[in-house]
C-alpha atoms as a PDB file:
ATOM      1  CA  UNK A   1      -0.017  -0.014  -0.001  1.00  0.00           C
ATOM      2  CA  UNK A   2       2.821   2.410  -0.749  1.00  0.00           C
ATOM      3  CA  UNK A   3       0.779   4.995  -2.586  1.00  0.00           C
ATOM      4  CA  UNK A   4       2.445   8.357  -2.486  1.00  0.00           C
ATOM      5  CA  UNK A   5       0.078  11.317  -2.663  1.00  0.00           C
ATOM      6  CA  UNK A   6       1.235  14.393  -4.539  1.00  0.00           C
ATOM      7  CA  UNK A   7       0.430  17.944  -5.429  1.00  0.00           C
ATOM      8  CA  UNK A   8       2.347  20.488  -7.499  1.00  0.00           C
ATOM      9  CA  UNK A   9       5.447  20.654  -5.278  1.00  0.00           C
ATOM     10  CA  UNK A  10       4.767  18.140  -2.535  1.00  0.00           C
ATOM     11  CA  UNK A  11       4.812  14.314  -2.078  1.00  0.00           C
ATOM     12  CA  UNK A  12       3.708  12.525   1.022  1.00  0.00           C
ATOM     13  CA  UNK A  13       2.727   9.157   2.452  1.00  0.00           C
ATOM     14  CA  UNK A  14       0.139   9.293   5.210  1.00  0.00           C
ATOM     15  CA  UNK A  15       0.620   7.114   8.355  1.00  0.00           C
ATOM     16  CA  UNK A  16      -1.042   7.271  11.731  1.00  0.00           C
ATOM     17  CA  UNK A  17      -0.048   6.010  15.166  1.00  0.00           C
ATOM     18  CA  UNK A  18      -3.192   5.232  17.124  1.00  0.00           C
ATOM     19  CA  UNK A  19      -3.225   4.434  20.880  1.00  0.00           C
ATOM     20  CA  UNK A  20      -6.431   3.305  22.631  1.00  0.00           C
ATOM     21  CA  UNK A  21      -6.388   3.896  26.409  1.00  0.00           C
ATOM     22  CA  UNK A  22      -9.265   3.004  28.803  1.00  0.00           C
ATOM     23  CA  UNK A  23     -10.306   5.603  31.399  1.00  0.00           C
ATOM     24  CA  UNK A  24      -7.808   5.747  34.292  1.00  0.00           C
ATOM     25  CA  UNK A  25      -5.586   3.276  32.375  1.00  0.00           C
ATOM     26  CA  UNK A  26      -7.293   0.341  34.095  1.00  0.00           C
ATOM     27  CA  UNK A  27      -5.581  -2.936  33.287  1.00  0.00           C
ATOM     28  CA  UNK A  28      -8.535  -4.610  31.531  1.00  0.00           C
ATOM     29  CA  UNK A  29      -7.226  -5.174  27.967  1.00  0.00           C
ATOM     30  CA  UNK A  30      -5.698  -8.637  28.468  1.00  0.00           C
ATOM     31  CA  UNK A  31      -7.194 -12.094  28.251  1.00  0.00           C
ATOM     32  CA  UNK A  32     -10.396 -12.622  26.366  1.00  0.00           C
ATOM     33  CA  UNK A  33     -11.017  -8.918  25.845  1.00  0.00           C
ATOM     34  CA  UNK A  34      -7.628  -8.574  24.125  1.00  0.00           C
ATOM     35  CA  UNK A  35      -8.609 -11.024  21.385  1.00  0.00           C
ATOM     36  CA  UNK A  36     -12.016  -9.403  20.870  1.00  0.00           C
ATOM     37  CA  UNK A  37     -10.505  -5.915  20.534  1.00  0.00           C
ATOM     38  CA  UNK A  38      -7.979  -7.242  18.002  1.00  0.00           C
ATOM     39  CA  UNK A  39     -10.760  -8.743  15.894  1.00  0.00           C
ATOM     40  CA  UNK A  40     -12.750  -5.496  15.992  1.00  0.00           C
ATOM     41  CA  UNK A  41      -9.709  -3.394  14.951  1.00  0.00           C
ATOM     42  CA  UNK A  42      -8.896  -5.751  12.078  1.00  0.00           C
ATOM     43  CA  UNK A  43     -12.535  -5.691  10.900  1.00  0.00           C
ATOM     44  CA  UNK A  44     -12.653  -1.869  10.997  1.00  0.00           C
ATOM     45  CA  UNK A  45      -9.402  -1.724   8.983  1.00  0.00           C
ATOM     46  CA  UNK A  46     -10.850  -3.972   6.323  1.00  0.00           C
ATOM     47  CA  UNK A  47     -14.071  -1.897   6.143  1.00  0.00           C
ATOM     48  CA  UNK A  48     -12.082   1.350   5.661  1.00  0.00           C
ATOM     49  CA  UNK A  49      -9.541  -0.319   3.346  1.00  0.00           C
ATOM     50  CA  UNK A  50      -6.689   0.590   5.675  1.00  0.00           C
ATOM     51  CA  UNK A  51      -3.493  -1.433   5.949  1.00  0.00           C
ATOM     52  CA  UNK A  52      -2.735  -2.413   9.555  1.00  0.00           C
ATOM     53  CA  UNK A  53       1.055  -2.645   9.757  1.00  0.00           C
ATOM     54  CA  UNK A  54       1.618  -3.513  13.388  1.00  0.00           C
ATOM     55  CA  UNK A  55      -0.307  -3.767  16.619  1.00  0.00           C
ATOM     56  CA  UNK A  56       0.539  -4.369  20.281  1.00  0.00           C
ATOM     57  CA  UNK A  57      -1.793  -4.981  23.268  1.00  0.00           C
ATOM     58  CA  UNK A  58      -0.532  -3.977  26.692  1.00  0.00           C
ATOM     59  CA  UNK A  59      -2.424  -4.555  29.916  1.00  0.00           C
ATOM     60  CA  UNK A  60      -3.542  -0.909  30.048  1.00  0.00           C
ATOM     61  CA  UNK A  61      -3.463   0.301  26.399  1.00  0.00           C
ATOM     62  CA  UNK A  62      -3.333  -0.781  22.746  1.00  0.00           C
ATOM     63  CA  UNK A  63      -0.962   0.527  20.069  1.00  0.00           C
END
């Protein structure tokens, strides 16, 4: 998915770093919930035709 966007004098490739953090950073994102959140994120990426390069689940947040 290396599609460079361009205008008259500019070229760019758009990437985002998304972090999901629960309120008060409660450690609830491991175990069964971790797998479910991963499935939901992959499904959303397919719907929006976005390439998911990498993902990490920590006990209190997701990258």
